[in-house]
N, C-alpha and C. Protein backbone atom coordinates (compact mmCIF):
# COMPACT_ATOMS: atom_id res chain seq x y z
N UNK A 1 22.39 19.21 11.14
CA UNK A 1 20.98 18.98 10.89
C UNK A 1 20.80 17.62 10.22
N UNK A 2 19.92 16.81 10.78
CA UNK A 2 19.66 15.48 10.22
C UNK A 2 18.69 15.59 9.05
N UNK A 3 18.97 14.81 8.01
CA UNK A 3 18.08 14.76 6.85
C UNK A 3 16.87 13.89 7.20
N UNK A 4 15.69 14.29 6.72
CA UNK A 4 14.49 13.51 6.95
C UNK A 4 14.52 12.25 6.09
N UNK A 5 13.98 11.18 6.63
CA UNK A 5 13.84 9.94 5.88
C UNK A 5 12.35 9.71 5.69
N UNK A 6 11.91 9.80 4.45
CA UNK A 6 10.50 9.62 4.09
C UNK A 6 10.33 8.25 3.46
N UNK A 7 9.29 7.54 3.87
CA UNK A 7 9.01 6.22 3.30
C UNK A 7 7.55 6.12 2.91
N UNK A 8 7.29 5.27 1.92
CA UNK A 8 5.93 4.94 1.53
C UNK A 8 5.67 3.51 1.99
N UNK A 9 4.56 3.32 2.69
CA UNK A 9 4.19 2.01 3.21
C UNK A 9 3.00 1.51 2.42
N UNK A 10 3.19 0.37 1.75
CA UNK A 10 2.15 -0.19 0.89
C UNK A 10 1.71 -1.53 1.48
N UNK A 11 0.41 -1.68 1.70
CA UNK A 11 -0.14 -2.94 2.18
C UNK A 11 -0.91 -3.59 1.04
N UNK A 12 -0.51 -4.81 0.69
CA UNK A 12 -1.16 -5.56 -0.39
C UNK A 12 -2.08 -6.62 0.20
N UNK A 13 -3.20 -6.83 -0.46
CA UNK A 13 -4.12 -7.92 -0.11
C UNK A 13 -4.33 -8.73 -1.37
N UNK A 14 -3.86 -9.96 -1.36
CA UNK A 14 -3.91 -10.81 -2.54
C UNK A 14 -5.19 -11.65 -2.55
N UNK A 15 -5.62 -12.11 -3.73
CA UNK A 15 -6.86 -12.91 -3.83
C UNK A 15 -6.83 -14.19 -3.01
N UNK A 16 -5.65 -14.75 -2.77
CA UNK A 16 -5.57 -16.00 -2.00
C UNK A 16 -5.63 -15.76 -0.49
N UNK A 17 -5.81 -14.50 -0.07
CA UNK A 17 -5.93 -14.20 1.35
C UNK A 17 -4.65 -13.74 1.99
N UNK A 18 -3.51 -13.87 1.31
CA UNK A 18 -2.24 -13.43 1.86
C UNK A 18 -2.17 -11.90 1.87
N UNK A 19 -1.42 -11.37 2.80
CA UNK A 19 -1.16 -9.94 2.89
C UNK A 19 0.33 -9.71 2.94
N UNK A 20 0.76 -8.56 2.49
CA UNK A 20 2.17 -8.20 2.64
C UNK A 20 2.29 -6.70 2.79
N UNK A 21 3.36 -6.28 3.43
CA UNK A 21 3.64 -4.87 3.63
C UNK A 21 5.02 -4.60 3.08
N UNK A 22 5.14 -3.54 2.28
CA UNK A 22 6.46 -3.14 1.80
C UNK A 22 6.69 -1.68 2.17
N UNK A 23 7.94 -1.38 2.47
CA UNK A 23 8.33 -0.02 2.84
C UNK A 23 9.35 0.43 1.82
N UNK A 24 9.02 1.53 1.11
CA UNK A 24 9.89 2.03 0.05
C UNK A 24 10.40 3.42 0.43
N UNK A 25 11.71 3.63 0.39
CA UNK A 25 12.23 4.97 0.68
C UNK A 25 11.87 5.94 -0.42
N UNK A 26 11.61 7.18 -0.05
CA UNK A 26 11.24 8.25 -0.99
C UNK A 26 12.19 9.43 -0.79
N UNK A 27 12.37 10.22 -1.85
CA UNK A 27 13.30 11.35 -1.77
C UNK A 27 12.66 12.58 -1.14
N UNK A 28 11.33 12.69 -1.21
CA UNK A 28 10.67 13.86 -0.63
C UNK A 28 9.21 13.51 -0.33
N UNK A 29 8.59 14.37 0.45
CA UNK A 29 7.18 14.18 0.79
C UNK A 29 6.32 14.30 -0.47
N UNK A 30 6.62 15.29 -1.31
CA UNK A 30 5.84 15.48 -2.53
C UNK A 30 5.93 14.26 -3.45
N UNK A 31 7.11 13.72 -3.61
CA UNK A 31 7.30 12.52 -4.44
C UNK A 31 6.54 11.34 -3.85
N UNK A 32 6.54 11.24 -2.53
CA UNK A 32 5.84 10.15 -1.86
C UNK A 32 4.34 10.27 -2.10
N UNK A 33 3.80 11.46 -2.02
CA UNK A 33 2.36 11.66 -2.25
C UNK A 33 1.97 11.27 -3.66
N UNK A 34 2.77 11.64 -4.64
CA UNK A 34 2.49 11.30 -6.03
C UNK A 34 2.52 9.78 -6.23
N UNK A 35 3.58 9.15 -5.71
CA UNK A 35 3.70 7.69 -5.84
C UNK A 35 2.58 6.97 -5.09
N UNK A 36 2.16 7.51 -3.96
CA UNK A 36 1.09 6.89 -3.18
C UNK A 36 -0.23 6.91 -3.95
N UNK A 37 -0.50 8.00 -4.66
CA UNK A 37 -1.71 8.07 -5.47
C UNK A 37 -1.70 7.02 -6.58
N UNK A 38 -0.54 6.82 -7.17
CA UNK A 38 -0.40 5.80 -8.22
C UNK A 38 -0.62 4.41 -7.63
N UNK A 39 0.03 4.13 -6.49
CA UNK A 39 -0.11 2.82 -5.85
C UNK A 39 -1.55 2.56 -5.44
N UNK A 40 -2.24 3.59 -4.95
CA UNK A 40 -3.62 3.42 -4.47
C UNK A 40 -4.57 3.02 -5.59
N UNK A 41 -4.20 3.29 -6.83
CA UNK A 41 -5.07 2.91 -7.95
C UNK A 41 -4.98 1.41 -8.26
N UNK A 42 -4.00 0.72 -7.72
CA UNK A 42 -3.85 -0.72 -7.93
C UNK A 42 -4.90 -1.45 -7.09
N UNK A 43 -5.71 -2.32 -7.71
CA UNK A 43 -6.77 -2.99 -6.95
C UNK A 43 -6.26 -3.94 -5.87
N UNK A 44 -5.01 -4.37 -5.94
CA UNK A 44 -4.47 -5.25 -4.92
C UNK A 44 -3.87 -4.49 -3.74
N UNK A 45 -3.81 -3.17 -3.81
CA UNK A 45 -3.30 -2.36 -2.71
C UNK A 45 -4.47 -2.04 -1.79
N UNK A 46 -4.39 -2.53 -0.55
CA UNK A 46 -5.48 -2.27 0.39
C UNK A 46 -5.25 -0.99 1.17
N UNK A 47 -3.99 -0.54 1.30
CA UNK A 47 -3.69 0.71 2.00
C UNK A 47 -2.33 1.21 1.56
N UNK A 48 -2.17 2.52 1.54
CA UNK A 48 -0.89 3.13 1.23
C UNK A 48 -0.79 4.45 1.99
N UNK A 49 0.37 4.71 2.57
CA UNK A 49 0.56 5.96 3.28
C UNK A 49 2.03 6.34 3.27
N UNK A 50 2.28 7.61 3.49
CA UNK A 50 3.64 8.12 3.59
C UNK A 50 3.92 8.42 5.05
N UNK A 51 5.17 8.21 5.45
CA UNK A 51 5.54 8.46 6.83
C UNK A 51 6.99 8.94 6.89
N UNK A 52 7.32 9.59 7.98
CA UNK A 52 8.68 10.07 8.21
C UNK A 52 9.26 9.33 9.40
N UNK A 53 10.49 8.85 9.24
CA UNK A 53 11.15 8.19 10.34
C UNK A 53 11.50 9.22 11.41
N UNK A 54 11.26 8.87 12.66
CA UNK A 54 11.57 9.74 13.78
C UNK A 54 12.60 9.04 14.65
N UNK A 55 13.74 9.68 14.83
CA UNK A 55 14.83 9.10 15.61
C UNK A 55 15.24 7.73 15.09
N UNK A 56 15.18 7.55 13.77
CA UNK A 56 15.58 6.29 13.16
C UNK A 56 14.59 5.17 13.35
N UNK A 57 13.37 5.49 13.81
CA UNK A 57 12.36 4.47 14.07
C UNK A 57 11.14 4.71 13.18
N UNK A 58 10.56 3.62 12.74
CA UNK A 58 9.31 3.69 12.01
C UNK A 58 8.31 2.82 12.75
N UNK A 59 7.30 3.45 13.32
CA UNK A 59 6.30 2.70 14.06
C UNK A 59 5.05 2.57 13.21
N UNK A 60 4.59 1.34 13.06
CA UNK A 60 3.40 1.06 12.25
C UNK A 60 2.25 0.68 13.17
N UNK A 61 1.10 1.25 12.89
CA UNK A 61 -0.11 0.92 13.64
C UNK A 61 -1.11 0.37 12.63
N UNK A 62 -1.48 -0.89 12.78
CA UNK A 62 -2.43 -1.52 11.88
C UNK A 62 -3.78 -1.61 12.56
N UNK A 63 -4.83 -1.33 11.81
CA UNK A 63 -6.17 -1.53 12.33
C UNK A 63 -6.93 -2.38 11.33
N UNK A 64 -7.75 -3.25 11.86
CA UNK A 64 -8.56 -4.13 11.04
C UNK A 64 -9.70 -3.32 10.44
N UNK A 65 -9.98 -3.58 9.17
CA UNK A 65 -11.10 -2.94 8.51
C UNK A 65 -12.33 -3.80 8.70
N UNK A 66 -13.46 -3.16 8.94
CA UNK A 66 -14.68 -3.95 8.99
C UNK A 66 -15.13 -4.24 7.56
N UNK A 67 -16.11 -5.06 7.40
CA UNK A 67 -16.55 -5.49 6.07
C UNK A 67 -16.96 -4.36 5.15
N UNK A 68 -17.46 -3.27 5.69
CA UNK A 68 -17.92 -2.16 4.86
C UNK A 68 -16.75 -1.38 4.26
N UNK A 69 -15.63 -1.34 4.95
CA UNK A 69 -14.49 -0.57 4.48
C UNK A 69 -13.54 -1.38 3.61
N UNK A 70 -13.59 -2.68 3.72
CA UNK A 70 -12.63 -3.54 3.05
C UNK A 70 -12.74 -3.45 1.54
N UNK A 71 -11.61 -3.33 0.87
CA UNK A 71 -11.62 -3.26 -0.59
C UNK A 71 -11.82 -4.63 -1.17
N UNK A 72 -12.61 -4.72 -2.21
CA UNK A 72 -12.82 -6.00 -2.89
C UNK A 72 -11.64 -6.27 -3.79
N UNK A 73 -11.05 -7.44 -3.65
CA UNK A 73 -9.92 -7.85 -4.47
C UNK A 73 -10.47 -8.53 -5.72
N UNK A 74 -10.04 -8.09 -6.92
CA UNK A 74 -10.57 -8.68 -8.14
C UNK A 74 -10.16 -10.14 -8.29
N UNK A 75 -11.05 -10.91 -8.86
CA UNK A 75 -10.76 -12.32 -9.14
C UNK A 75 -10.27 -12.43 -10.57
N UNK A 76 -9.37 -13.37 -10.79
CA UNK A 76 -8.88 -13.60 -12.16
C UNK A 76 -9.98 -14.26 -12.98
N UNK A 77 -10.23 -13.75 -14.14
CA UNK A 77 -11.26 -14.29 -15.01
C UNK A 77 -10.61 -14.65 -16.34
N UNK A 78 -10.84 -15.87 -16.79
CA UNK A 78 -10.33 -16.30 -18.09
C UNK A 78 -11.52 -16.65 -18.94
N UNK A 79 -11.69 -15.86 -19.98
CA UNK A 79 -12.81 -16.12 -20.88
C UNK A 79 -12.33 -17.08 -21.97
N UNK A 80 -13.12 -18.09 -22.20
CA UNK A 80 -12.78 -19.07 -23.24
C UNK A 80 -13.93 -19.16 -24.22
N UNK A 81 -13.58 -19.37 -25.41
CA UNK A 81 -14.61 -19.54 -26.43
C UNK A 81 -15.26 -20.90 -26.29
N UNK A 82 -16.58 -20.92 -26.37
CA UNK A 82 -17.28 -22.21 -26.30
C UNK A 82 -17.44 -22.83 -27.68
N UNK A 83 -16.89 -22.13 -28.68
CA UNK A 83 -16.78 -22.64 -30.01
C UNK A 83 -17.98 -22.96 -30.73
């Protein structure tokens, strides 16, 4: 019997317009769900999902978000005293 391989896929959207995708191995589906909820709370995470490798393959399907669905990325704000 083959052991399942569970991964968490995190898509980041940075303020400068760059995007990145990271794939993190997980020990179980339950652990992946918990970690995904934590990752989703990060404002720079535009998407997060858990997936299981099938036959040693991980197929990713990306879809573009329209303007209404897109998450707003926070801008860095530095407050300075005007003295």
